[in-house]
Each structure stands twice: as C-alpha cells, then as structure tokens.
C-alpha cells in the first residue's frame, strides 16, 4: 500500500492507527519493525540506525540537488541520529539489530568502519588514506562515529578551544574538513562531498541539556531523534525475518556528482520555506530540520533502491520527523521538570539549614560559599580565599553544614600531583 499524508496523520477518532500505517506502508519498513521486535529493540531506533547504514553504503558523490540555480549548492546524505532512552534500555541492541536488517553483498555498498569521536582536528584523519608514495588520498570507507553517551559528546565539544562542534556541523552538510598546519603529518584536508559519515549517539534525556541548549548553533536541529523505547512491544516475540538483501542503487567511483531526483512539488515547498527565511518572514531555529526531513525521504527512497525522491517518501519522512519532534520535546519536558524539582529541593534545604543552624557567623559563611559555587567543581581553596578574612576560620564548619544539608557536594581530586578538594552545588 502507498501511504499518504492524510493516512499517516489520521486522528485518534479515525479508523487507522497512523503508526501501523507507517510501518505497513512498505515491505522494508515492516521488516525493520519485525526485526527490531524480534531483537527486543525499539523499531524507531533500529530504523534510524538502518537509515544511517544506507547513507554510509551510498558513495559520497551521491548528493541532494540544490534548491536554487547554484549547481555547487548541493547537500550531503550524512546523517546524525540520537537514540533517546534512560540508561540501560539498550542503544547497543538497536545498533546491532540494524546491522542484521540489511544484507549487503560484497561490492554492494561502501565499507563501513566504526570510530569514536575525538577532536575536530582528528576527524579529518579518518577520511584519508595514504598511497604508496605517501600522499593523502580519499578513504574508500565510510565512517560510523559511535557516541555511546551524549555527555561524552558535550564534554568533547565543551573543551576549551575545541573545534569539534564546528567540524561536526560541517560534516552534516558534507563541507570540507580539516585545517592547515605547518606539520605536514598533521595537515589533513578533506574536500567537500568526498566522504560519507554518520554520527549515532546514545542520549539519556536528563543528560541532553547541553546539547539541546546549543539550538543557536544549530546542533540539535541537525539530529534525527529516535526513541530507543518501545511502548508497543509485544508480549510474545515475533520470529526474526530474513535480512533484506540490499545494494546501493548507485555504485560509482569516478569523481562526478550524482544528483538524486527530488520531486518538483517537494522542491517547491522547500524553496518557499527558504524564501520565507530570506525575507525574515520565518525566524524560528528549525531551518536544518527541513534538510533532515529531505535526507530521511531520500534515504527511504534509497532503502527502496530508488534514486527518485517521491511525494510518498516525503510523506513517510514527515511522519518520522513528527516522531523526532515528539522525542525532542519529551527530553525538554524532562529537563524542565528536573530543573523545577532542583529549585524546590534547594529552597527546602536552605530553609532547613536556616532553621537548624544556630551560629550566625557559620550561616553567613555558608551563604557566601553558596554564592561562589555552581554545578561545575571549584577547588575549595579558591572558595575559601574568596571569603573575607573574618569568615575564613569558619569555612570548614560552613562547608560541612552545607554538605550535610545536601546543598553542596565534595570530591577529592589530584592536580599537578597534589591532592585537592573540589566543591560544587548539588544537581
């Protein structure tokens, strides 16, 4: 059956279950759901990983066509997927299931290698090989960047002078990667659209704050957010279907670009949105989401072994994006609830502290300490030095009282070979 936009968005009062309509729209989608449930994984997470594997299997010369008349303004199929679930649900189960969904014969797609995410400078190295003369050449493989925990990504991005965030955003659109360096061994320049990459991250909702807060930089809008949970998981496991035998519909190595054929009606809608943004008639931060939707539509077409992106692909991609939007909104709601709960707990703890703390000087010292702390660890010696001379003698008593009341956390650390104590507000 062919799904339409109306079918996929039938209301609860209608006869059709929109999610079932989606999964039954095509045999390959039905196979993904059955394979996922046979593996006790989330169908949506497995679908996200399967689309990433499709993207990685297609040569990097295959691109999305430009919306305007600039022939160079093409877009890459490189895909970012966030698998969202509490700890222990099993992102790894979904990624392994996605490996089993597709059976790609030798020569049917590009070699996929898995690499951890490191520095922005290091990213360019994984996309280059060295020939017999010691010259850099484009790698013949595609790279699956695996990020088991989202706080690993945010920690890497948050490093001082880190170039990772900007390189990751360039990788999404297939722009050139790398930096000039006086040391030839560290100088790696990767030309635009000469590489294929996917970034798949495990995301615990309550740890996603730093990533979601980078909306101004456009990082969260570049992700396809797929739930790694499955509320509809059946009591009895279905049998695992045979893997889908799949080959890339484009197998080419020559340096020429192959534009996917996007339906004119789809291009017209995207052009209208781009025009509205140019005119400042549309000013939200979701400009990248339309590109994600187009990538999903294109990958669904390629999964069906087609190079034509049709209205049917676009409609199915719209439903996938509604799942992604819902998943991202649920993360934001969880973070807001946690923040509100933390504010209440801190207020209650401070009230209890004031009630039971008789020593006014210690209380005043504790208040000063609280103003100097954040949720980031700070050396206790730094906090003590910031106090007035008349309060420093009460520092230990005040810090102990704050820790006892649950307002502050203490941790031991080593810096330059010397032990030190770190303090921070309890999250």
Protein backbone atom coordinates (compact mmCIF):
# COMPACT_ATOMS: atom_id res chain seq x y z
CA UNK A 1 0.00 0.00 0.00
CA UNK A 2 1.08 3.55 -0.55
CA UNK A 3 0.87 5.83 2.47
CA UNK A 4 -0.38 9.39 2.06
CA UNK A 5 -0.06 12.37 4.34
CA UNK A 6 -3.73 12.01 5.29
CA UNK A 7 -3.28 8.34 6.18
CA UNK A 8 -0.23 8.95 8.36
CA UNK A 9 -1.90 11.71 10.36
CA UNK A 10 -5.31 10.19 10.97
CA UNK A 11 -6.64 11.35 14.33
CA UNK A 12 -7.44 9.00 17.19
CA UNK A 13 -11.12 9.08 16.21
CA UNK A 14 -10.32 7.64 12.78
CA UNK A 15 -10.14 4.00 11.81
CA UNK A 16 -6.42 3.90 11.06
CA UNK A 17 -3.56 3.76 13.54
CA UNK A 18 -1.04 6.17 11.97
CA UNK A 19 1.98 4.32 13.35
CA UNK A 20 0.78 0.99 11.95
CA UNK A 21 0.08 2.68 8.61
CA UNK A 22 3.67 3.90 8.56
CA UNK A 23 5.26 0.54 9.30
CA UNK A 24 3.00 -1.31 6.87
CA UNK A 25 3.44 1.23 4.06
CA UNK A 26 6.41 -0.68 2.59
CA UNK A 27 7.76 -4.19 2.97
CA UNK A 28 11.18 -2.94 4.04
CA UNK A 29 9.63 -0.87 6.86
CA UNK A 30 7.58 -3.85 8.04
CA UNK A 31 10.77 -5.92 8.04
CA UNK A 32 12.59 -3.29 10.13
CA UNK A 33 9.82 -3.31 12.75
CA UNK A 34 9.64 -7.11 12.90
CA UNK A 35 13.41 -7.47 13.09
CA UNK A 36 13.56 -4.86 15.86
CA UNK A 37 10.86 -6.51 17.95
CA UNK A 38 12.38 -9.95 17.43
CA UNK A 39 15.62 -8.48 18.85
CA UNK A 40 13.71 -6.69 21.68
CA UNK A 41 14.80 -3.32 20.36
CA UNK A 42 12.90 -0.13 19.52
CA UNK A 43 11.68 -0.12 15.89
CA UNK A 44 12.30 3.63 15.67
CA UNK A 45 15.86 3.30 16.94
CA UNK A 46 16.54 0.44 14.53
CA UNK A 47 15.04 2.48 11.67
CA UNK A 48 17.31 5.44 12.49
CA UNK A 49 20.37 3.18 12.51
CA UNK A 50 19.26 1.42 9.32
CA UNK A 51 18.93 4.75 7.51
CA UNK A 52 22.41 5.66 8.77
CA UNK A 53 23.77 2.40 7.31
CA UNK A 54 22.05 3.13 4.00
CA UNK A 55 23.64 6.58 3.92
CA UNK A 56 27.07 5.11 4.67
CA UNK A 57 26.70 2.49 1.94
CA UNK A 58 26.00 5.04 -0.80
CA UNK A 59 29.01 6.73 -2.44
CA UNK A 60 29.66 10.31 -1.29
CA UNK A 61 29.24 11.56 -4.86
CA UNK A 62 25.50 10.94 -4.43
CA UNK A 63 24.05 14.24 -3.20
CA UNK A 64 20.81 16.12 -2.74
CA UNK A 65 20.31 18.67 -5.52
CA UNK A 66 20.49 22.44 -4.93
CA UNK A 67 17.26 24.33 -4.28
CA UNK A 68 18.36 27.30 -6.37
CA UNK A 69 20.33 27.68 -9.57
CA UNK A 70 23.77 27.41 -7.98
CA UNK A 71 24.93 23.97 -9.13
CA UNK A 72 27.52 23.80 -6.33
CA UNK A 73 24.98 24.24 -3.51
CA UNK A 74 24.32 20.52 -3.05
CA UNK A 75 23.73 18.79 0.29
CA UNK A 76 25.17 15.59 1.69
CA UNK A 77 23.29 12.49 2.87
CA UNK A 78 25.44 12.38 6.03
CA UNK A 79 23.12 11.66 8.94
CA UNK A 80 23.07 12.33 12.70
CA UNK A 81 20.87 10.10 14.87
CA UNK A 82 20.17 10.45 18.59
CA UNK A 83 18.84 7.28 20.25
CA UNK A 84 16.90 8.53 23.27
CA UNK A 85 16.17 6.38 26.32
CA UNK A 86 17.03 6.09 30.03
CA UNK A 87 20.22 4.29 30.97
CA UNK A 88 20.15 0.54 30.44
CA UNK A 89 17.39 0.39 27.84
CA UNK A 90 19.84 -0.70 25.17
CA UNK A 91 21.14 1.57 22.43
CA UNK A 92 23.59 -1.19 21.56
CA UNK A 93 20.75 -3.63 20.91
CA UNK A 94 19.30 -1.24 18.31
CA UNK A 95 22.60 -0.68 16.51
CA UNK A 96 23.30 -4.43 16.37
CA UNK A 97 19.78 -5.12 15.10
CA UNK A 98 20.27 -2.55 12.34
CA UNK A 99 23.38 -4.45 11.22
CA UNK A 100 21.22 -7.55 10.82
CA UNK A 101 18.37 -5.88 8.95
CA UNK A 102 20.35 -5.30 5.75
CA UNK A 103 22.35 -7.96 3.97
CA UNK A 104 24.72 -6.07 1.67
CA UNK A 105 26.69 -8.39 -0.65
CA UNK A 106 30.38 -7.68 -1.35
CA UNK A 107 30.59 -4.73 -3.70
CA UNK A 108 27.00 -3.74 -2.98
CA UNK A 109 27.96 -0.73 -0.90
CA UNK A 110 30.88 1.08 0.69
CA UNK A 111 32.87 -0.44 3.52
CA UNK A 112 31.67 0.90 6.90
CA UNK A 113 34.16 1.39 9.73
CA UNK A 114 33.28 2.43 13.26
CA UNK A 115 35.29 5.09 15.04
CA UNK A 116 34.94 7.01 18.31
CA UNK A 117 34.52 10.76 18.15
CA UNK A 118 37.60 12.72 19.20
CA UNK A 119 38.93 16.15 18.31
CA UNK A 120 37.88 18.31 15.39
CA UNK A 121 41.41 18.08 14.00
CA UNK A 122 41.37 14.29 14.29
CA UNK A 123 38.13 13.89 12.34
CA UNK A 124 39.81 14.65 9.03
CA UNK A 125 42.34 11.85 9.55
CA UNK A 126 39.71 9.10 9.47
CA UNK A 127 38.59 10.17 6.00
CA UNK A 128 42.02 9.93 4.37
CA UNK A 129 44.27 7.06 3.33
CA UNK A 130 47.90 7.19 2.25
CA UNK A 131 49.06 5.82 -1.10
CA UNK A 132 52.37 4.11 -1.85
CA UNK A 133 54.01 7.49 -2.43
CA UNK A 134 52.94 8.79 0.96
CA UNK A 135 50.31 11.10 -0.49
CA UNK A 136 46.88 11.56 1.08
CA UNK A 137 44.00 10.03 -0.85
CA UNK A 138 40.27 9.92 -0.10
CA UNK A 139 39.38 6.92 2.05
CA UNK A 140 37.44 4.11 0.41
CA UNK A 141 35.42 3.60 3.55
CA UNK A 142 32.55 5.37 5.26
CA UNK A 143 32.72 6.23 8.97
CA UNK A 144 30.16 5.45 11.65
CA UNK A 145 31.00 7.76 14.57
CA UNK A 146 29.77 5.98 17.68
CA UNK A 147 28.98 8.07 20.76
CA UNK A 148 27.62 5.69 23.46
CA UNK A 149 26.72 8.53 25.85
CA UNK A 150 25.71 12.07 24.89
CA UNK A 151 27.67 13.59 27.78
CA UNK A 152 30.82 12.33 26.03
CA UNK A 153 29.88 14.47 23.03
CA UNK A 154 29.06 17.54 25.11
CA UNK A 155 32.30 17.16 27.09
CA UNK A 156 34.35 16.98 23.88
CA UNK A 157 32.55 19.96 22.40
CA UNK A 158 32.91 21.92 25.64
CA UNK A 159 36.70 21.67 25.80
CA UNK A 160 38.49 24.99 25.68
CA UNK A 161 39.42 25.93 22.10
CA UNK A 162 37.65 22.81 20.80
CA UNK A 163 36.95 22.81 17.06
CA UNK A 164 34.78 19.71 17.25
CA UNK A 165 31.39 21.45 17.22
CA UNK A 166 32.13 23.39 14.05
CA UNK A 167 33.64 20.34 12.31
CA UNK A 168 30.63 18.20 13.26
CA UNK A 169 28.24 20.79 11.85
CA UNK A 170 30.27 20.93 8.61
CA UNK A 171 30.25 17.14 8.41
CA UNK A 172 26.43 17.16 8.48
CA UNK A 173 26.26 19.10 5.20
CA UNK A 174 29.31 17.45 3.66
CA UNK A 175 31.52 20.57 3.68
CA UNK A 176 35.30 20.31 3.53
CA UNK A 177 37.02 19.23 6.75
CA UNK A 178 40.46 19.80 8.21
CA UNK A 179 42.90 22.62 8.99
CA UNK A 180 46.13 23.97 7.58
CA UNK A 181 49.11 23.02 9.72
CA UNK A 182 52.83 23.64 9.40
CA UNK A 183 53.41 19.99 10.33
CA UNK A 184 52.63 18.00 7.17
CA UNK A 185 51.84 14.87 9.21
CA UNK A 186 49.03 16.75 10.94
CA UNK A 187 47.75 18.56 7.86
CA UNK A 188 44.71 16.72 6.53
CA UNK A 189 42.30 18.46 4.17
CA UNK A 190 39.17 16.53 3.19
CA UNK A 191 37.38 18.02 0.16
CA UNK A 192 33.65 18.65 0.30
CA UNK A 193 31.43 15.69 -0.63
CA UNK A 194 34.40 13.32 -0.82
CA UNK A 195 33.43 11.41 2.33
CA UNK A 196 30.43 9.72 3.92
CA UNK A 197 29.72 9.84 7.66
CA UNK A 198 27.06 9.10 10.23
CA UNK A 199 27.03 10.11 13.89
CA UNK A 200 24.93 7.93 16.20
CA UNK A 201 24.69 8.96 19.86
CA UNK A 202 23.02 7.38 22.86
CA UNK A 203 21.07 10.05 24.70
CA UNK A 204 19.78 9.89 28.25
CA UNK A 205 17.09 12.60 28.38
CA UNK A 206 18.30 14.09 31.64
CA UNK A 207 21.84 14.48 30.29
CA UNK A 208 20.85 16.11 27.00
CA UNK A 209 20.66 19.67 28.34
CA UNK A 210 23.99 20.98 26.99
CA UNK A 211 23.29 19.56 23.53
CA UNK A 212 19.71 20.88 23.36
CA UNK A 213 20.91 24.26 24.65
CA UNK A 214 23.04 24.67 21.52
CA UNK A 215 19.98 25.50 19.41
CA UNK A 216 21.56 28.82 18.44
CA UNK A 217 24.48 26.90 16.95
CA UNK A 218 22.09 24.56 15.16
CA UNK A 219 23.48 21.31 16.55
CA UNK A 220 20.25 19.73 17.95
CA UNK A 221 18.33 20.66 14.78
CA UNK A 222 20.75 18.52 12.77
CA UNK A 223 19.77 15.35 14.65
CA UNK A 224 17.09 12.80 13.96
CA UNK A 225 15.84 11.99 17.48
CA UNK A 226 14.58 8.40 17.71
CA UNK A 227 13.14 6.83 20.87
CA UNK A 228 15.04 3.73 21.97
CA UNK A 229 12.00 2.58 23.95
CA UNK A 230 9.00 0.69 22.56
CA UNK A 231 5.71 1.12 24.47
CA UNK A 232 4.03 -1.24 22.00
CA UNK A 233 6.49 -4.10 22.48
CA UNK A 234 4.54 -7.39 22.17
CA UNK A 235 4.38 -9.99 24.93
CA UNK A 236 5.42 -12.72 22.50
CA UNK A 237 8.45 -12.11 20.34
CA UNK A 238 7.89 -12.43 16.59
CA UNK A 239 10.32 -14.54 14.57
CA UNK A 240 13.22 -12.66 13.06
CA UNK A 241 12.65 -12.13 9.33
CA UNK A 242 15.28 -12.87 6.75
CA UNK A 243 17.64 -9.90 6.28
CA UNK A 244 16.80 -7.60 3.41
CA UNK A 245 19.20 -8.17 0.54
CA UNK A 246 20.14 -4.66 -0.44
CA UNK A 247 22.65 -2.98 -2.73
CA UNK A 248 23.21 0.69 -3.35
CA UNK A 249 21.35 1.81 -6.48
CA UNK A 250 24.41 3.91 -7.33
CA UNK A 251 27.80 2.23 -7.46
CA UNK A 252 30.37 4.64 -8.85
CA UNK A 253 33.90 5.66 -8.07
CA UNK A 254 34.52 8.32 -10.68
CA UNK A 255 34.69 11.92 -9.37
CA UNK A 256 31.34 13.05 -10.67
CA UNK A 257 28.30 14.00 -8.64
CA UNK A 258 25.07 12.10 -8.92
CA UNK A 259 22.05 14.25 -8.01
CA UNK A 260 19.07 12.44 -6.56
CA UNK A 261 15.90 13.33 -8.43
CA UNK A 262 13.70 15.18 -5.93
CA UNK A 263 10.06 15.65 -6.99
CA UNK A 264 9.29 19.17 -8.18
CA UNK A 265 6.48 19.60 -5.66
CA UNK A 266 8.89 18.87 -2.80
CA UNK A 267 11.49 21.30 -4.14
CA UNK A 268 8.79 23.97 -4.49
CA UNK A 269 7.84 23.66 -0.80
CA UNK A 270 11.48 23.80 0.29
CA UNK A 271 12.09 26.81 -1.92
CA UNK A 272 9.07 28.56 -0.40
CA UNK A 273 10.43 27.95 3.09
CA UNK A 274 13.90 29.17 2.10
CA UNK A 275 12.37 32.29 0.55
CA UNK A 276 10.41 32.97 3.75
CA UNK A 277 13.61 32.74 5.78
CA UNK A 278 15.44 35.06 3.40
CA UNK A 279 12.63 37.59 3.80
CA UNK A 280 12.65 37.14 7.60
CA UNK A 281 9.04 36.01 7.44
CA UNK A 282 10.10 32.81 9.19
CA UNK A 283 12.54 33.27 12.06
CA UNK A 284 12.50 30.04 14.10
CA UNK A 285 15.61 27.91 14.66
CA UNK A 286 14.33 24.88 12.73
CA UNK A 287 15.80 25.58 9.32
CA UNK A 288 18.01 22.48 9.48
CA UNK A 289 15.02 20.26 10.25
CA UNK A 290 13.72 20.58 6.69
CA UNK A 291 17.08 19.30 5.46
CA UNK A 292 16.89 16.40 7.91
CA UNK A 293 13.43 15.57 6.57
CA UNK A 294 14.72 15.67 2.99
CA UNK A 295 17.60 13.38 3.96
CA UNK A 296 15.17 10.93 5.57
CA UNK A 297 12.97 10.98 2.46
CA UNK A 298 16.00 10.38 0.23
CA UNK A 299 17.26 7.53 2.42
CA UNK A 300 13.81 5.91 2.41
CA UNK A 301 13.93 6.07 -1.38
CA UNK A 302 17.43 4.57 -1.43
CA UNK A 303 16.31 1.87 1.01
CA UNK A 304 13.71 1.00 -1.66
CA UNK A 305 16.62 1.03 -4.19
CA UNK A 306 15.38 4.15 -5.97
CA UNK A 307 17.13 7.41 -6.81
CA UNK A 308 13.84 9.30 -7.26
CA UNK A 309 12.56 11.01 -4.10
CA UNK A 310 8.78 11.00 -4.39
CA UNK A 311 5.84 12.51 -2.54
CA UNK A 312 5.36 9.13 -0.86
CA UNK A 313 8.92 9.30 0.51
CA UNK A 314 8.29 12.88 1.65
CA UNK A 315 5.08 11.89 3.43
CA UNK A 316 6.74 8.98 5.23
CA UNK A 317 9.62 11.28 6.20
CA UNK A 318 7.12 13.74 7.62
CA UNK A 319 5.84 11.06 9.99
CA UNK A 320 9.40 10.15 11.01
CA UNK A 321 10.06 13.82 11.77
CA UNK A 322 6.90 14.02 13.90
CA UNK A 323 8.33 11.16 16.00
CA UNK A 324 11.66 13.00 16.18
CA UNK A 325 9.98 16.27 17.25
CA UNK A 326 7.93 14.47 19.90
CA UNK A 327 11.05 12.76 21.26
CA UNK A 328 12.98 16.05 21.45
CA UNK A 329 10.04 17.76 23.19
CA UNK A 330 9.84 14.97 25.78
CA UNK A 331 13.53 15.48 26.55
CA UNK A 332 12.94 19.18 27.07
CA UNK A 333 9.98 18.46 29.36
CA UNK A 334 12.09 16.06 31.43
CA UNK A 335 14.82 18.68 31.77
CA UNK A 336 12.32 21.38 32.80
CA UNK A 337 10.80 19.04 35.40
CA UNK A 338 14.25 18.25 36.79
CA UNK A 339 15.14 21.95 36.98
CA UNK A 340 11.91 22.78 38.82
CA UNK A 341 12.45 19.88 41.22
CA UNK A 342 16.03 21.00 41.90
CA UNK A 343 14.86 24.56 42.66
CA UNK A 344 12.27 23.25 45.13
CA UNK A 345 14.77 20.93 46.83
CA UNK A 346 17.33 23.70 47.13
CA UNK A 347 14.79 26.09 48.60
CA UNK A 348 13.64 23.48 51.10
CA UNK A 349 17.21 22.59 52.02
CA UNK A 350 18.12 26.23 52.53
CA UNK A 351 15.07 26.75 54.70
CA UNK A 352 16.01 23.72 56.81
CA UNK A 353 19.56 24.95 57.05
CA UNK A 354 18.46 28.36 58.30
CA UNK A 355 16.15 26.76 60.83
CA UNK A 356 18.71 24.42 62.35
CA UNK A 357 21.87 26.47 62.04
CA UNK A 358 22.32 28.49 65.23
CA UNK A 359 25.70 30.00 64.59
CA UNK A 360 25.08 33.23 62.67
CA UNK A 361 28.69 33.50 61.53
CA UNK A 362 28.74 29.97 60.15
CA UNK A 363 25.41 30.66 58.44
CA UNK A 364 26.76 33.85 56.89
CA UNK A 365 29.89 31.99 55.76
CA UNK A 366 27.74 29.28 54.21
CA UNK A 367 25.71 31.87 52.32
CA UNK A 368 28.92 33.35 50.94
CA UNK A 369 30.09 29.90 49.87
CA UNK A 370 26.82 29.26 48.03
CA UNK A 371 27.21 32.46 46.03
CA UNK A 372 30.66 31.30 44.90
CA UNK A 373 29.59 27.83 43.72
CA UNK A 374 27.93 26.50 40.58
CA UNK A 375 27.29 22.95 39.39
CA UNK A 376 30.85 22.93 37.99
CA UNK A 377 33.51 21.76 40.52
CA UNK A 378 35.67 24.51 42.09
CA UNK A 379 38.73 24.00 44.34
CA UNK A 380 37.75 24.54 47.98
CA UNK A 381 40.89 26.64 48.46
CA UNK A 382 39.66 29.05 45.79
CA UNK A 383 36.28 29.39 47.50
CA UNK A 384 37.91 29.90 50.93
CA UNK A 385 40.28 32.57 49.58
CA UNK A 386 37.33 34.49 48.18
CA UNK A 387 35.83 34.88 51.66
CA UNK A 388 36.59 37.82 53.90
CA UNK A 389 39.32 37.31 56.48
CA UNK A 390 36.74 37.29 59.27
CA UNK A 391 34.90 34.33 57.70
CA UNK A 392 37.74 32.08 56.58
CA UNK A 393 38.13 30.46 60.01
CA UNK A 394 34.52 29.25 59.72
CA UNK A 395 34.93 27.86 56.19
CA UNK A 396 35.25 24.17 57.13
CA UNK A 397 32.29 24.26 59.53
CA UNK A 398 30.12 26.05 56.98
CA UNK A 399 31.13 23.69 54.14
CA UNK A 400 30.44 20.64 56.33
CA UNK A 401 27.00 22.03 57.21
CA UNK A 402 26.16 22.65 53.54
CA UNK A 403 27.25 19.11 52.61
CA UNK A 404 25.24 17.65 55.48
CA UNK A 405 22.14 19.52 54.26
CA UNK A 406 22.58 18.20 50.72
CA UNK A 407 23.25 21.58 49.14
CA UNK A 408 26.89 21.01 48.24
CA UNK A 409 28.95 18.02 47.10
CA UNK A 410 32.61 17.44 47.97
CA UNK A 411 35.04 15.37 45.88
CA UNK A 412 38.75 14.64 46.17
CA UNK A 413 40.93 15.41 43.15
CA UNK A 414 44.59 15.50 42.13
CA UNK A 415 46.06 18.49 40.30
CA UNK A 416 49.68 18.56 39.17
CA UNK A 417 50.42 15.68 41.50
CA UNK A 418 48.91 17.39 44.57
CA UNK A 419 45.68 16.32 46.28
CA UNK A 420 42.91 18.90 46.47
CA UNK A 421 39.27 19.11 47.46
CA UNK A 422 36.60 20.23 44.99
CA UNK A 423 33.18 21.69 45.84
CA UNK A 424 30.09 22.22 43.71
CA UNK A 425 26.36 22.76 44.06
CA UNK A 426 24.48 19.51 44.14
CA UNK A 427 22.50 18.93 40.94
